[in-house]
């Protein structure tokens, strides 16, 4: 499974599985990035939440399908 951070392959506007340093793994849309932060969003029933996360707190960004194909089998 390729970590897209390693080769700077993260595209804005796409939904990815994002792994945080604290162990949280969730799907987020990457809206933008700055040199120090990712701007991420997720949606609930009727709302969209937008937040920023320090790049140093993110240890992995993976294609959703590739992540499920690899991790979903475990």
C-alpha atoms as a PDB file:
ATOM      1  CA  UNK A   1       0.000   0.000   0.000  1.00  0.00           C
ATOM      2  CA  UNK A   2       1.529   3.293  -1.102  1.00  0.00           C
ATOM      3  CA  UNK A   3       1.685   6.224   1.284  1.00  0.00           C
ATOM      4  CA  UNK A   4       0.991   9.176  -1.030  1.00  0.00           C
ATOM      5  CA  UNK A   5       2.813  11.581   1.281  1.00  0.00           C
ATOM      6  CA  UNK A   6       6.128   9.873   0.505  1.00  0.00           C
ATOM      7  CA  UNK A   7       6.149  11.031  -3.130  1.00  0.00           C
ATOM      8  CA  UNK A   8       4.005  14.161  -2.762  1.00  0.00           C
ATOM      9  CA  UNK A   9       1.148  12.499  -4.696  1.00  0.00           C
ATOM     10  CA  UNK A  10      -1.763  13.923  -2.676  1.00  0.00           C
ATOM     11  CA  UNK A  11      -4.289  15.644  -4.958  1.00  0.00           C
ATOM     12  CA  UNK A  12      -6.669  18.282  -3.665  1.00  0.00           C
ATOM     13  CA  UNK A  13     -10.360  17.520  -4.038  1.00  0.00           C
ATOM     14  CA  UNK A  14      -9.976  13.755  -3.590  1.00  0.00           C
ATOM     15  CA  UNK A  15     -11.137  11.593  -0.703  1.00  0.00           C
ATOM     16  CA  UNK A  16      -8.398   9.587   0.991  1.00  0.00           C
ATOM     17  CA  UNK A  17      -7.889   7.414   4.028  1.00  0.00           C
ATOM     18  CA  UNK A  18      -5.849   9.585   6.385  1.00  0.00           C
ATOM     19  CA  UNK A  19      -3.838   8.087   9.242  1.00  0.00           C
ATOM     20  CA  UNK A  20      -2.987  10.368  12.149  1.00  0.00           C
ATOM     21  CA  UNK A  21      -0.116  10.056  14.615  1.00  0.00           C
ATOM     22  CA  UNK A  22      -2.616   9.280  17.405  1.00  0.00           C
ATOM     23  CA  UNK A  23      -3.788   6.165  15.535  1.00  0.00           C
ATOM     24  CA  UNK A  24      -7.030   7.590  14.096  1.00  0.00           C
ATOM     25  CA  UNK A  25      -7.729   6.464  10.532  1.00  0.00           C
ATOM     26  CA  UNK A  26     -10.642   8.113   8.732  1.00  0.00           C
ATOM     27  CA  UNK A  27     -11.688   9.131   5.268  1.00  0.00           C
ATOM     28  CA  UNK A  28     -11.356  12.833   4.550  1.00  0.00           C
ATOM     29  CA  UNK A  29     -11.462  15.013   1.476  1.00  0.00           C
ATOM     30  CA  UNK A  30      -8.253  17.012   1.038  1.00  0.00           C
ATOM     31  CA  UNK A  31      -9.433  20.508   0.147  1.00  0.00           C
ATOM     32  CA  UNK A  32      -6.054  22.201   0.123  1.00  0.00           C
ATOM     33  CA  UNK A  33      -2.642  22.179   1.699  1.00  0.00           C
ATOM     34  CA  UNK A  34      -0.144  24.731   2.922  1.00  0.00           C
ATOM     35  CA  UNK A  35       3.519  24.096   3.643  1.00  0.00           C
ATOM     36  CA  UNK A  36       2.566  23.102   7.219  1.00  0.00           C
ATOM     37  CA  UNK A  37      -1.098  21.978   7.159  1.00  0.00           C
ATOM     38  CA  UNK A  38      -3.669  19.919   5.272  1.00  0.00           C
ATOM     39  CA  UNK A  39      -7.139  21.451   4.976  1.00  0.00           C
ATOM     40  CA  UNK A  40      -9.522  18.489   5.297  1.00  0.00           C
ATOM     41  CA  UNK A  41     -13.272  17.982   5.295  1.00  0.00           C
ATOM     42  CA  UNK A  42     -15.785  15.289   6.065  1.00  0.00           C
ATOM     43  CA  UNK A  43     -19.550  15.212   5.870  1.00  0.00           C
ATOM     44  CA  UNK A  44     -22.186  13.993   8.238  1.00  0.00           C
ATOM     45  CA  UNK A  45     -25.912  13.666   7.499  1.00  0.00           C
ATOM     46  CA  UNK A  46     -26.542  17.298   6.576  1.00  0.00           C
ATOM     47  CA  UNK A  47     -23.325  19.146   7.369  1.00  0.00           C
ATOM     48  CA  UNK A  48     -19.811  19.448   6.076  1.00  0.00           C
ATOM     49  CA  UNK A  49     -17.048  19.980   8.597  1.00  0.00           C
ATOM     50  CA  UNK A  50     -13.815  21.647   7.493  1.00  0.00           C
ATOM     51  CA  UNK A  51     -10.685  21.655   9.626  1.00  0.00           C
ATOM     52  CA  UNK A  52      -6.935  21.918   9.372  1.00  0.00           C
ATOM     53  CA  UNK A  53      -4.440  19.326  10.525  1.00  0.00           C
ATOM     54  CA  UNK A  54      -0.713  19.874  10.937  1.00  0.00           C
ATOM     55  CA  UNK A  55       1.249  17.827   8.437  1.00  0.00           C
ATOM     56  CA  UNK A  56       3.434  16.610  11.297  1.00  0.00           C
ATOM     57  CA  UNK A  57       0.310  14.965  12.820  1.00  0.00           C
ATOM     58  CA  UNK A  58      -0.474  13.033   9.611  1.00  0.00           C
ATOM     59  CA  UNK A  59       1.623   9.903   9.071  1.00  0.00           C
ATOM     60  CA  UNK A  60      -0.144   8.467   6.048  1.00  0.00           C
ATOM     61  CA  UNK A  61      -2.524   9.307   3.210  1.00  0.00           C
ATOM     62  CA  UNK A  62      -3.744   6.379   1.134  1.00  0.00           C
ATOM     63  CA  UNK A  63      -6.082   5.759  -1.791  1.00  0.00           C
ATOM     64  CA  UNK A  64      -9.396   4.583  -0.324  1.00  0.00           C
ATOM     65  CA  UNK A  65      -9.740   1.520  -2.542  1.00  0.00           C
ATOM     66  CA  UNK A  66      -6.141   0.433  -2.013  1.00  0.00           C
ATOM     67  CA  UNK A  67      -6.526   0.879   1.759  1.00  0.00           C
ATOM     68  CA  UNK A  68      -9.748  -1.199   1.884  1.00  0.00           C
ATOM     69  CA  UNK A  69      -8.262  -3.885  -0.362  1.00  0.00           C
ATOM     70  CA  UNK A  70      -5.276  -4.184   1.981  1.00  0.00           C
ATOM     71  CA  UNK A  71      -6.646  -3.397   5.437  1.00  0.00           C
ATOM     72  CA  UNK A  72     -10.187  -4.683   4.931  1.00  0.00           C
ATOM     73  CA  UNK A  73      -8.878  -8.227   4.546  1.00  0.00           C
ATOM     74  CA  UNK A  74      -7.144  -8.189   7.922  1.00  0.00           C
END
